[in-house]
Amino acid sequence: MRGEIAKSYAELIKQMWSGKFSYVTPRAFKTQVGRFAPQFSGYQQQDCQELLAFLLDGLHEDLNRIRKKPYIQLKDADGRPDKVVAEEAWENHLKRNDSIIVDIFHGLFKSTLVCPECAKISVTFDPFCYLTLPLPMKKERTLEVYLVRMDPLTKPMQ
């Protein structure tokens, strides 16, 4: 994105924290986002997770210090301790990705697969930038409630 998203975002943050304005309109930032992600160009309601994912990816792309990304052959764990395999995976990730976004938001998932035929266990550590978590579903249930009045002559009501 040739640094345009990063510059526009930086300008917006600078205005917000300057203390000079009682409000800030992010019009220039929204225009830049719309140029690179047309789904955000109109005024329809959008998914905030999609915007955050786009923004994190765009800022990382614009701020990545690695220009020539080397090819990296992934190795299997082969019984090595998780700590060693995870450190190797993180070092490999950093050889291709080095930005403030990586420093703050990136992490590793541990993935374990077991072959159903030969029982070989494969352990990998895969990088992620953000986690998507489902919103809890509203759980409804029906309860029978009985109203029992203090008057002993009144029958309970369902």
Protein backbone atom coordinates (compact mmCIF):
# COMPACT_ATOMS: atom_id res chain seq x y z
CA MET A 1 0.00 0.00 0.00
CA ARG A 2 3.12 2.12 -0.37
CA GLY A 3 2.84 3.40 3.19
CA GLU A 4 -0.38 5.29 2.53
CA ILE A 5 -2.47 3.45 5.13
CA ALA A 6 0.27 3.89 7.75
CA LYS A 7 0.63 7.61 7.03
CA SER A 8 -3.11 8.20 7.10
CA TYR A 9 -3.52 6.21 10.32
CA ALA A 10 -0.60 8.07 11.93
CA GLU A 11 -2.15 11.42 11.00
CA LEU A 12 -5.49 10.37 12.50
CA ILE A 13 -3.85 9.24 15.75
CA LYS A 14 -1.80 12.45 15.90
CA GLN A 15 -4.96 14.57 15.56
CA MET A 16 -6.80 12.52 18.18
CA TRP A 17 -4.04 12.84 20.78
CA SER A 18 -2.94 16.40 20.03
CA GLY A 19 -5.42 17.98 22.42
CA LYS A 20 -6.13 20.71 19.84
CA PHE A 21 -9.53 19.39 18.77
CA SER A 22 -12.71 18.58 20.68
CA TYR A 23 -13.57 16.10 17.93
CA VAL A 24 -11.82 14.53 14.95
CA THR A 25 -13.44 13.43 11.70
CA PRO A 26 -11.55 10.44 10.21
CA ARG A 27 -12.58 11.35 6.63
CA ALA A 28 -9.06 11.18 5.11
CA PHE A 29 -8.36 7.86 6.81
CA LYS A 30 -11.69 6.41 5.65
CA THR A 31 -10.93 7.53 2.09
CA GLN A 32 -7.54 5.78 2.14
CA VAL A 33 -9.05 2.60 3.57
CA GLY A 34 -11.73 2.70 0.85
CA ARG A 35 -9.08 3.01 -1.87
CA PHE A 36 -7.38 -0.22 -0.83
CA ALA A 37 -10.44 -2.10 0.45
CA PRO A 38 -13.49 -1.12 -1.65
CA GLN A 39 -15.84 -2.97 0.71
CA PHE A 40 -15.28 -0.10 3.18
CA SER A 41 -15.68 2.74 0.66
CA GLY A 42 -19.40 3.43 1.13
CA TYR A 43 -21.40 4.26 4.20
CA GLN A 44 -23.00 0.88 4.77
CA GLN A 45 -22.54 -0.83 8.10
CA GLN A 46 -19.44 -3.05 8.12
CA ASP A 47 -18.07 -5.78 10.30
CA CYS A 48 -15.57 -4.28 12.76
CA GLN A 49 -13.51 -7.49 12.81
CA GLU A 50 -13.01 -7.24 9.04
CA LEU A 51 -11.88 -3.63 9.39
CA LEU A 52 -9.46 -4.48 12.20
CA ALA A 53 -8.08 -7.44 10.23
CA PHE A 54 -7.59 -5.22 7.17
CA LEU A 55 -6.00 -2.48 9.27
CA LEU A 56 -3.59 -4.82 11.06
CA ASP A 57 -2.60 -6.51 7.79
CA GLY A 58 -2.25 -3.18 5.98
CA LEU A 59 -0.20 -1.56 8.73
CA HIS A 60 2.04 -4.62 8.95
CA GLU A 61 2.53 -4.62 5.18
CA ASP A 62 3.38 -0.90 5.16
CA LEU A 63 5.67 -1.09 8.22
CA ASN A 64 7.39 -4.43 7.54
CA ARG A 65 11.16 -3.87 7.74
CA ILE A 66 11.88 -7.00 5.69
CA ARG A 67 12.04 -6.16 1.99
CA LYS A 68 13.56 -9.38 0.59
CA LYS A 69 11.73 -12.31 2.12
CA PRO A 70 13.80 -15.49 2.14
CA TYR A 71 12.33 -18.91 1.36
CA ILE A 72 12.19 -20.98 4.53
CA GLN A 73 11.86 -24.75 4.58
CA LEU A 74 9.64 -25.82 7.46
CA LYS A 75 10.97 -28.63 9.64
CA ASP A 76 8.99 -31.23 11.51
CA ALA A 77 9.34 -31.39 15.29
CA ASP A 78 10.76 -34.97 15.17
CA GLY A 79 10.36 -35.37 18.92
CA ARG A 80 12.22 -32.18 19.81
CA PRO A 81 10.92 -30.24 22.84
CA ASP A 82 8.09 -27.77 22.15
CA LYS A 83 10.20 -24.86 23.38
CA VAL A 84 12.87 -25.54 20.75
CA VAL A 85 10.36 -26.04 17.93
CA ALA A 86 8.41 -22.92 18.92
CA GLU A 87 11.55 -20.76 19.08
CA GLU A 88 12.61 -22.03 15.64
CA ALA A 89 9.15 -21.29 14.20
CA TRP A 90 9.19 -17.78 15.69
CA GLU A 91 12.69 -17.07 14.34
CA ASN A 92 11.57 -18.24 10.89
CA HIS A 93 8.49 -16.02 11.10
CA LEU A 94 10.65 -13.02 12.01
CA LYS A 95 12.91 -13.62 8.99
CA ARG A 96 9.94 -12.65 6.79
CA ASN A 97 7.92 -10.41 9.12
CA ASP A 98 9.34 -7.61 11.26
CA SER A 99 7.08 -4.71 12.21
CA ILE A 100 5.54 -3.12 15.27
CA ILE A 101 2.37 -5.07 14.42
CA VAL A 102 4.31 -8.33 14.75
CA ASP A 103 5.80 -7.15 18.03
CA ILE A 104 2.39 -6.39 19.53
CA PHE A 105 -0.15 -8.68 17.86
CA HIS A 106 1.50 -11.81 16.41
CA GLY A 107 1.82 -15.10 18.22
CA LEU A 108 2.01 -18.85 17.58
CA PHE A 109 -0.62 -21.60 17.67
CA LYS A 110 0.51 -25.06 18.58
CA SER A 111 -0.99 -27.59 16.18
CA THR A 112 -0.76 -31.32 16.87
CA LEU A 113 -1.84 -33.92 14.32
CA VAL A 114 -1.82 -37.67 14.80
CA CYS A 115 -1.83 -39.93 11.74
CA PRO A 116 -4.68 -42.44 12.12
CA GLU A 117 -2.75 -45.11 10.22
CA CYS A 118 0.81 -44.96 11.55
CA ALA A 119 0.19 -42.95 14.76
CA LYS A 120 2.99 -40.49 13.84
CA ILE A 121 2.58 -37.23 15.75
CA SER A 122 3.26 -34.00 13.87
CA VAL A 123 3.67 -30.83 15.92
CA THR A 124 3.90 -27.39 14.29
CA PHE A 125 3.71 -23.84 15.57
CA ASP A 126 1.80 -21.59 13.18
CA PRO A 127 1.84 -17.79 13.34
CA PHE A 128 -1.36 -15.79 13.84
CA CYS A 129 -2.15 -12.09 14.00
CA TYR A 130 -5.56 -12.10 15.62
CA LEU A 131 -7.94 -14.61 17.14
CA THR A 132 -11.55 -14.89 16.16
CA LEU A 133 -13.77 -16.01 18.97
CA PRO A 134 -17.46 -16.79 18.61
CA LEU A 135 -19.95 -14.65 20.46
CA PRO A 136 -21.84 -16.72 23.01
CA MET A 137 -25.26 -17.76 21.81
CA LYS A 138 -28.19 -16.78 23.92
CA LYS A 139 -29.41 -19.88 25.68
CA GLU A 140 -33.10 -19.99 26.39
CA ARG A 141 -34.98 -22.49 28.44
CA THR A 142 -38.49 -22.80 29.68
CA LEU A 143 -39.13 -22.83 33.38
CA GLU A 144 -42.35 -23.61 35.16
CA VAL A 145 -43.02 -20.99 37.80
CA TYR A 146 -45.66 -21.32 40.48
CA LEU A 147 -47.05 -18.34 42.33
CA VAL A 148 -47.80 -19.28 45.91
CA ARG A 149 -49.61 -16.50 47.75
CA MET A 150 -49.24 -15.93 51.45
CA ASP A 151 -52.97 -16.49 51.90
CA PRO A 152 -53.30 -20.22 52.63
CA LEU A 153 -56.79 -20.31 51.14
CA THR A 154 -55.56 -19.23 47.67
CA LYS A 155 -54.50 -22.05 45.38
CA PRO A 156 -51.01 -21.88 43.80
CA MET A 157 -51.07 -20.69 40.16
CA GLN A 158 -48.79 -21.82 37.37
